[in-house]
Protein backbone atom coordinates (compact mmCIF):
# COMPACT_ATOMS: atom_id res chain seq x y z
CA MET A 1 86.50 60.01 91.26
CA ALA A 2 82.71 59.81 91.39
CA ARG A 3 82.28 60.44 95.31
CA VAL A 4 78.55 59.46 96.96
CA SER A 5 76.85 61.38 98.89
CA ALA A 6 77.45 61.07 103.03
CA ARG A 7 74.19 60.30 103.91
CA TYR A 8 74.78 56.67 102.30
CA PRO A 9 76.95 56.18 105.49
CA ALA A 10 74.95 57.93 107.63
CA VAL A 11 71.73 55.53 106.79
CA GLY A 12 74.16 52.74 106.59
CA PHE A 13 75.39 53.50 110.45
CA GLY A 14 71.72 54.50 112.12
CA GLN A 15 70.08 51.63 110.87
CA ASP A 16 71.99 48.93 111.91
CA PHE A 17 73.11 50.18 114.87
CA SER A 18 69.18 50.46 115.41
CA LEU A 19 68.85 46.87 113.84
CA PHE A 20 71.23 44.85 115.75
CA ALA A 21 71.16 46.70 119.50
CA VAL A 22 67.45 45.67 119.06
CA TRP A 23 68.33 42.03 117.75
CA ALA A 24 71.40 41.66 120.54
CA ILE A 25 68.76 43.17 122.99
CA LEU A 26 66.04 40.34 121.95
CA PRO A 27 68.24 36.98 122.09
CA LEU A 28 69.41 38.47 125.91
CA TRP A 29 65.59 38.72 126.96
CA ALA A 30 64.59 35.43 125.10
CA LYS A 31 66.90 33.59 127.67
CA LEU A 32 67.56 35.55 130.66
CA ASP A 33 63.82 36.45 131.20
CA ALA A 34 61.84 34.68 129.01
CA ASP A 35 64.06 30.84 129.41
CA ALA A 36 64.11 30.27 125.57
CA THR A 37 66.31 27.01 125.42
CA PRO A 38 68.68 26.31 122.82
CA LEU A 39 66.32 25.64 119.70
CA GLU A 40 64.27 28.49 120.28
CA LEU A 41 67.06 30.83 120.38
CA GLY A 42 68.26 29.13 117.15
CA ALA A 43 64.74 29.25 115.55
CA LEU A 44 64.80 33.71 116.42
CA PRO A 45 66.25 34.64 113.19
CA VAL A 46 64.44 32.32 111.46
CA PHE A 47 60.93 34.12 111.21
CA GLY A 48 62.09 37.34 110.14
CA GLY A 49 64.98 35.76 107.81
CA LEU A 50 62.81 33.95 105.48
CA PRO A 51 60.43 37.32 104.66
CA TYR A 52 63.93 39.19 104.15
CA VAL A 53 65.30 36.50 101.94
CA VAL A 54 62.58 36.56 99.56
CA THR A 55 61.73 40.39 99.99
CA ALA A 56 65.03 40.75 99.17
CA PHE A 57 65.26 38.95 95.74
CA PHE A 58 62.29 40.43 94.55
CA ALA A 59 62.96 43.82 96.10
CA GLY A 60 66.28 43.94 94.34
CA LYS A 61 64.84 43.47 91.11
CA PHE A 62 62.08 45.33 91.66
CA SER A 63 64.90 48.95 92.32
CA ASP A 64 66.12 48.08 88.79
CA ARG A 65 62.29 49.11 87.64
CA VAL A 66 61.15 51.50 90.47
CA SER A 67 62.80 54.58 92.80
CA ARG A 68 65.42 52.83 94.98
CA THR A 69 65.05 55.55 97.44
CA LYS A 70 61.06 55.15 97.92
CA LEU A 71 61.73 51.29 98.80
CA ALA A 72 64.32 51.99 101.12
CA ARG A 73 62.56 54.90 103.30
CA ILE A 74 59.16 52.58 103.70
CA GLY A 75 61.64 49.91 104.82
CA LEU A 76 62.91 52.31 107.57
CA ALA A 77 59.84 53.02 108.96
CA LEU A 78 58.33 49.86 108.68
CA PHE A 79 61.11 48.82 110.85
CA ALA A 80 59.94 51.38 113.34
CA VAL A 81 56.73 49.95 113.45
CA PHE A 82 58.55 46.54 114.67
CA CYS A 83 60.40 48.13 117.19
CA LEU A 84 57.22 49.50 118.95
CA LEU A 85 55.67 46.18 118.74
CA ALA A 86 58.71 43.91 120.01
CA TRP A 87 58.22 46.53 123.15
CA ARG A 88 55.35 44.83 124.30
CA ILE A 89 55.91 41.20 123.97
CA THR A 90 56.04 39.05 127.04
CA THR A 91 56.68 35.92 125.36
CA VAL A 92 59.12 34.04 122.95
CA SER A 93 56.08 33.11 120.62
CA GLN A 94 55.05 36.54 120.33
CA LEU A 95 58.46 37.67 119.52
CA PHE A 96 58.25 34.41 116.40
CA ALA A 97 54.95 35.92 115.45
CA ILE A 98 55.86 39.75 115.04
CA SER A 99 59.66 39.16 113.16
CA PRO A 100 58.50 38.61 109.94
CA LEU A 101 57.90 42.52 109.83
CA ALA A 102 61.38 42.61 110.79
CA GLY A 103 62.92 41.06 108.01
CA PHE A 104 60.24 42.18 105.55
CA SER A 105 61.18 46.20 106.06
CA ASN A 106 65.17 45.36 105.80
CA GLY A 107 64.25 43.41 102.71
CA LEU A 108 63.42 46.69 101.28
CA ILE A 109 66.29 48.57 102.44
CA TRP A 110 69.51 46.92 101.87
CA PRO A 111 69.25 45.96 98.34
CA ALA A 112 68.08 49.03 96.79
CA LEU A 113 71.01 51.53 98.76
CA GLN A 114 73.85 49.18 97.81
CA ALA A 115 72.47 49.26 94.08
CA LYS A 116 71.69 52.87 94.11
CA MET A 117 75.72 53.17 95.15
CA GLY A 118 76.69 51.40 91.75
CA ASP A 119 74.25 53.26 89.68
CA GLU A 120 76.56 56.53 91.27
CA SER A 121 80.25 54.89 91.39
CA GLY A 122 83.15 54.73 88.73
CA PRO A 123 84.58 51.88 87.92
CA HIS A 124 87.61 52.91 90.02
CA ASP A 125 86.01 53.43 92.78
CA LEU A 126 83.04 51.01 93.31
CA ASP A 127 85.30 49.53 95.84
CA ARG A 128 85.90 52.23 97.91
CA ASN A 129 82.31 53.62 97.83
CA LEU A 130 80.99 50.28 98.80
CA GLY A 131 83.82 50.09 101.30
CA LEU A 132 83.01 53.06 102.72
CA PHE A 133 79.02 52.12 103.35
CA SER A 134 79.87 48.61 104.40
CA VAL A 135 82.69 50.44 107.36
CA SER A 136 79.22 52.75 108.10
CA TRP A 137 77.10 49.96 108.56
CA CYS A 138 79.41 47.43 110.23
CA GLY A 139 80.29 50.51 112.61
CA GLY A 140 76.79 50.81 113.66
CA LYS A 141 76.00 47.07 113.91
CA SER A 142 80.06 46.89 116.19
CA LEU A 143 78.33 49.78 118.45
CA GLY A 144 74.65 48.52 118.67
CA PHE A 145 76.44 44.87 120.24
CA PHE A 146 78.52 47.30 122.41
CA VAL A 147 75.91 48.81 124.00
CA SER A 148 73.26 46.41 124.11
CA GLY A 149 74.52 44.98 127.43
CA VAL A 150 73.91 48.01 128.92
CA LEU A 151 71.05 49.07 127.68
CA TYR A 152 69.20 45.78 128.44
CA ARG A 153 71.01 46.01 131.92
CA SER A 154 69.44 49.79 132.86
CA PHE A 155 66.41 49.25 130.40
CA GLY A 156 65.42 46.30 129.49
CA LEU A 157 62.74 46.30 126.26
CA ASP A 158 62.04 49.76 127.24
CA ALA A 159 65.12 50.71 125.47
CA LEU A 160 62.93 49.37 121.90
CA PRO A 161 60.95 52.11 120.67
CA PHE A 162 63.93 54.71 121.22
CA LEU A 163 65.69 52.67 118.54
CA GLY A 164 62.59 52.29 116.54
CA LEU A 165 62.68 56.27 116.26
CA LEU A 166 66.36 56.32 115.33
CA SER A 167 65.23 54.28 112.40
CA LEU A 168 62.47 56.22 111.64
CA ALA A 169 64.74 59.59 111.60
CA MET A 170 67.38 57.47 109.01
CA VAL A 171 63.81 58.39 106.45
CA PRO A 172 64.69 61.71 105.34
CA VAL A 173 68.22 61.27 105.57
CA VAL A 174 68.19 58.69 102.58
CA PRO A 175 69.65 60.52 99.28
CA GLY A 176 67.12 61.26 96.56
CA PRO A 177 66.94 59.74 93.42
CA THR A 178 69.83 59.78 91.21
CA PRO A 179 70.21 62.51 88.86
CA HIS A 180 70.05 62.31 85.32
CA SER A 181 73.19 63.21 83.32
CA SER A 182 73.29 64.11 79.79
CA SER A 183 76.33 62.45 79.16
CA PRO A 184 76.39 58.42 79.81
CA ARG A 185 78.44 57.20 82.63
CA ALA A 186 81.57 55.63 82.49
CA PRO A 187 80.92 51.53 82.66
CA LEU A 188 81.61 50.10 86.03
CA VAL A 189 83.06 46.91 84.31
CA PRO A 190 86.23 48.73 82.53
CA HIS A 191 87.52 46.98 79.35
CA ASP A 192 90.49 45.30 81.24
CA ALA A 193 88.60 43.97 83.51
CA PRO A 194 88.85 39.98 83.81
CA PRO A 195 86.56 37.80 81.18
CA ALA A 196 82.71 37.03 81.93
CA PRO A 197 83.33 33.77 83.10
CA VAL A 198 86.11 34.70 85.50
CA ARG A 199 83.98 37.27 86.84
CA ALA A 200 80.84 34.94 87.05
CA ALA A 201 82.99 32.30 88.67
CA TYR A 202 84.16 34.83 91.87
CA LEU A 203 80.56 35.82 92.33
CA ARG A 204 79.35 32.68 92.93
CA ALA A 205 82.42 31.64 95.16
CA ALA A 206 81.87 34.88 97.09
CA TRP A 207 78.23 34.31 97.57
CA LEU A 208 79.03 30.80 98.90
CA ALA A 209 81.76 32.42 101.45
CA ASN A 210 79.28 35.35 102.45
CA PHE A 211 76.55 32.54 103.15
CA ALA A 212 78.95 30.17 105.24
CA SER A 213 80.68 32.78 107.12
CA TYR A 214 78.19 34.69 107.61
CA GLY A 215 75.98 32.07 108.90
CA LEU A 216 78.83 31.29 111.51
CA GLY A 217 78.97 34.83 112.70
CA ALA A 218 74.98 35.00 113.08
CA THR A 219 75.31 31.47 115.27
CA LEU A 220 77.65 33.40 117.81
CA SER A 221 75.29 36.15 117.71
CA TYR A 222 72.27 34.11 118.26
CA LEU A 223 73.58 31.39 120.64
CA TYR A 224 76.14 32.53 122.33
CA PRO A 225 73.96 33.91 125.48
CA ASP A 226 73.52 30.40 126.12
CA LEU A 227 77.38 29.86 126.57
CA VAL A 228 77.32 33.17 128.91
CA ASP A 229 74.30 31.49 130.89
CA ARG A 230 76.00 28.19 131.09
CA LYS A 231 79.59 30.18 132.09
CA GLY A 232 78.15 32.36 134.74
CA TRP A 233 79.10 35.49 132.44
CA THR A 234 77.40 38.34 132.26
CA SER A 235 75.41 40.41 129.48
CA THR A 236 78.28 42.71 129.31
CA GLU A 237 80.87 40.17 128.47
CA TYR A 238 78.51 38.58 125.85
CA ALA A 239 78.38 42.51 124.29
CA LEU A 240 82.37 42.56 124.81
CA VAL A 241 83.05 39.65 122.76
CA THR A 242 80.18 40.02 119.97
CA GLY A 243 80.85 43.68 119.81
CA THR A 244 84.49 43.08 118.86
CA LEU A 245 83.89 40.12 116.28
CA PHE A 246 81.56 43.46 114.30
CA LEU A 247 84.46 45.97 115.20
CA SER A 248 86.62 43.64 113.60
CA GLN A 249 84.06 43.42 110.73
CA THR A 250 84.22 46.82 110.27
CA ALA A 251 87.70 47.63 110.41
CA ALA A 252 88.57 44.62 107.70
CA PHE A 253 85.80 46.97 105.72
CA TYR A 254 88.08 49.58 106.02
CA LEU A 255 90.92 48.08 104.29
CA PHE A 256 89.47 46.11 101.85
CA GLY A 257 87.89 49.34 100.28
CA ARG A 258 91.05 51.04 100.33
CA PHE A 259 93.40 48.29 98.80
CA SER A 260 92.44 46.65 95.99
CA GLY A 261 94.73 43.96 95.59
CA TRP A 262 92.68 41.25 97.34
CA ARG A 263 89.89 41.32 93.94
CA TYR A 264 89.79 38.47 91.96
CA ARG A 265 92.33 36.76 94.17
CA TRP A 266 92.03 33.43 95.44
CA ARG A 267 94.09 32.35 98.08
CA ALA A 268 93.77 34.99 100.39
CA PHE A 269 90.24 34.97 99.88
CA VAL A 270 90.22 31.36 101.34
CA SER A 271 92.74 31.62 103.90
CA TRP A 272 90.75 34.05 105.58
CA GLN A 273 87.81 31.79 105.43
CA CYS A 274 89.67 29.10 107.42
CA ALA A 275 91.32 30.86 110.10
CA SER A 276 88.07 33.02 110.58
CA ALA A 277 86.00 29.37 111.30
CA LEU A 278 89.23 28.41 113.15
CA ALA A 279 89.01 31.07 115.61
CA LEU A 280 84.95 31.56 116.11
CA LEU A 281 85.38 27.67 116.80
CA ALA A 282 87.58 28.29 119.61
CA VAL A 283 85.11 31.45 120.91
CA GLY A 284 82.22 28.34 120.84
CA LEU A 285 84.03 25.98 122.35
CA GLY A 286 84.38 28.12 125.71
CA ALA A 287 87.19 30.28 125.53
CA PRO A 288 87.70 32.85 128.49
CA VAL A 289 87.18 36.04 127.51
CA ALA A 290 89.98 37.44 127.64
CA LEU A 291 91.00 35.03 124.98
CA ALA A 292 87.86 35.15 122.87
CA VAL A 293 88.28 38.78 122.39
CA PRO A 294 91.62 38.38 120.20
CA PHE A 295 89.85 35.28 118.69
CA ALA A 296 86.99 37.65 117.67
CA VAL A 297 89.51 39.83 116.22
CA LEU A 298 90.85 37.36 113.76
CA GLY A 299 86.95 35.72 112.81
CA GLY A 300 85.95 39.97 112.48
CA ALA A 301 88.58 39.93 109.94
CA GLY A 302 87.52 36.87 107.71
CA LEU A 303 83.85 37.62 107.94
CA GLY A 304 84.87 41.26 106.98
CA LEU A 305 86.51 39.54 103.46
CA ALA A 306 83.44 37.35 102.42
CA TYR A 307 80.68 39.86 103.01
CA ALA A 308 83.17 42.65 101.02
CA ALA A 309 84.00 40.26 98.48
CA SER A 310 80.04 39.37 97.90
CA ILE A 311 78.73 43.03 97.41
CA TYR A 312 81.93 44.04 95.20
CA TYR A 313 81.16 40.82 92.80
CA SER A 314 77.39 41.24 92.95
CA VAL A 315 77.05 45.26 91.60
CA HIS A 316 80.28 44.85 89.89
CA THR A 317 78.37 44.95 86.85
CA ASP A 318 76.45 47.14 84.28
CA VAL A 319 73.56 45.44 84.09
CA GLY A 320 70.86 44.07 86.65
CA ARG A 321 72.72 45.11 89.50
CA GLY A 322 69.71 45.78 91.78
CA ALA A 323 68.83 42.26 91.51
CA ARG A 324 72.33 40.89 92.12
CA ALA A 325 72.73 42.92 95.27
CA GLY A 326 69.03 41.33 95.96
CA LEU A 327 70.39 37.64 95.19
CA HIS A 328 73.65 38.84 97.76
CA GLU A 329 71.74 40.02 100.42
CA ALA A 330 68.98 37.17 100.28
CA PHE A 331 72.18 34.42 100.93
CA THR A 332 73.06 36.57 103.24
CA GLY A 333 69.57 36.53 104.99
CA ALA A 334 69.45 33.14 104.87
CA SER A 335 72.62 32.03 106.21
CA ASN A 336 71.33 34.39 108.90
CA PHE A 337 68.46 32.01 110.03
CA VAL A 338 69.65 28.70 108.53
CA VAL A 339 72.86 28.16 109.98
CA PRO A 340 72.07 29.13 113.72
CA LEU A 341 68.59 27.28 113.63
CA ALA A 342 70.62 24.10 112.45
CA GLY A 343 73.35 24.48 114.84
CA GLY A 344 70.61 25.22 118.05
CA ALA A 345 68.69 21.90 116.46
CA LEU A 346 71.29 20.19 116.73
CA GLN A 347 72.84 21.23 120.44
CA SER A 348 68.92 20.24 121.85
CA LEU A 349 69.40 16.91 120.11
CA THR A 350 73.08 16.12 121.37
CA ARG A 351 73.00 18.34 124.44
CA TRP A 352 76.58 18.93 123.25
CA GLY A 353 76.90 22.54 123.66
CA THR A 354 79.45 23.11 121.01
CA ALA A 355 77.58 21.55 118.49
CA PRO A 356 76.27 25.16 116.60
CA TYR A 357 80.00 26.24 115.93
CA ALA A 358 81.54 22.70 115.10
CA LEU A 359 77.96 23.00 112.77
CA ALA A 360 78.89 26.38 111.64
CA ALA A 361 82.90 25.70 110.71
CA ALA A 362 82.42 22.36 109.41
CA LEU A 363 79.82 24.26 107.26
CA VAL A 364 82.77 26.92 106.17
CA ALA A 365 85.07 23.94 104.99
CA ALA A 366 83.00 22.84 102.63
CA SER A 367 82.03 25.90 101.18
CA VAL A 368 85.98 26.59 100.71
CA ALA A 369 86.52 23.11 98.87
CA LEU A 370 83.43 23.99 96.57
CA GLN A 371 85.00 27.21 96.06
CA ILE A 372 88.19 26.04 94.75
CA ARG A 373 86.05 23.49 92.56
CA ILE A 374 84.20 26.05 91.22
CA LEU A 375 87.24 28.72 90.08
CA SER A 376 89.41 25.60 89.30
CA GLY A 377 85.96 24.55 86.74
CA ASN A 378 85.78 27.80 85.35
CA GLY A 379 89.72 28.63 84.41
CA ALA A 380 89.78 31.20 87.06
CA ARG A 381 92.53 30.61 89.35
CA LYS A 382 94.84 29.33 86.05
CA SER A 383 94.24 32.65 83.98
CA LEU A 384 95.07 34.63 87.16
CA SER A 385 97.84 32.57 88.62
CA ALA A 386 100.34 35.41 87.53
CA ASN A 387 98.93 38.28 89.35
CA GLN A 388 98.47 36.16 92.44
CA LEU A 389 100.19 37.55 95.75
């Protein structure tokens, strides 16, 4: 068993707690203090999302040639700088102006760490190591959303410099360079792995699934404050629903990291996406908090499987895993702003409060149809049909 350092989950937890507490506080501030419109709320992730996509794509490829450790440490320090700048904003326009730094900094962090874990994993524990890492960062993300309501109500933007200090504290925690061994490491793709065309088909399908599902989760993160405001709910209720969503995603990462029966199986993969989309659509329709919480549990499980599959199939390779991890993060980052922006624009145009969630759910449905076509066209479903669960 190739166990990786406990520093990986520590960094994942600490940075995503900081990142998502910040990006839960900022939409609340934008809506409740700066009176942002639905279109402005939908645009919040755009100005950081575009730099994230570009940076993740190129930094992932770059990390195959330079120190992954240095890239991650530089990114953590730069995010701390972003937090200090965000602490002093007074308008939504100022937030738009500084957001590219947040995207650039995190684009350096995540592909480098994910690829580095692949460097240190063996063929039989890649899914478990990635699962543990995903549990840690998603646990930090969940806690960030849960406490965001209290932090915002108690401190407002004054909470941001402390969250920035947490990111800065993660810099020395990042594991050092991977030591070179005199004996060659076993390949991550064993001889009994599915054929290369099947693996490629599942990789493309998983990227599509993660794009659509993550976009649906991002729509809830950025536009739910508008629904909360219209319903007369509080920031605590916003934090409860969104925190539950990502806590459920965390639990899903744990399960999918321990049990490998989902790998290269398509039926459960598609079914979970559909169930998740319907659950989050119900939340967006304005389900009372007592119902929104269990719906969020179901939605988070589907988000977890889509992301777990995307990062696993991206890193499950013996060459260029940094580049593929970068593409995985680029698709993730793009969905984080494209889908909420489109939803916010549609809501502003139609004056229909459910428009963003209906659009995101329709995107999941279209993605599922395309995934089935990809897997059928490449023989992936047929070649593995005897092993379906």
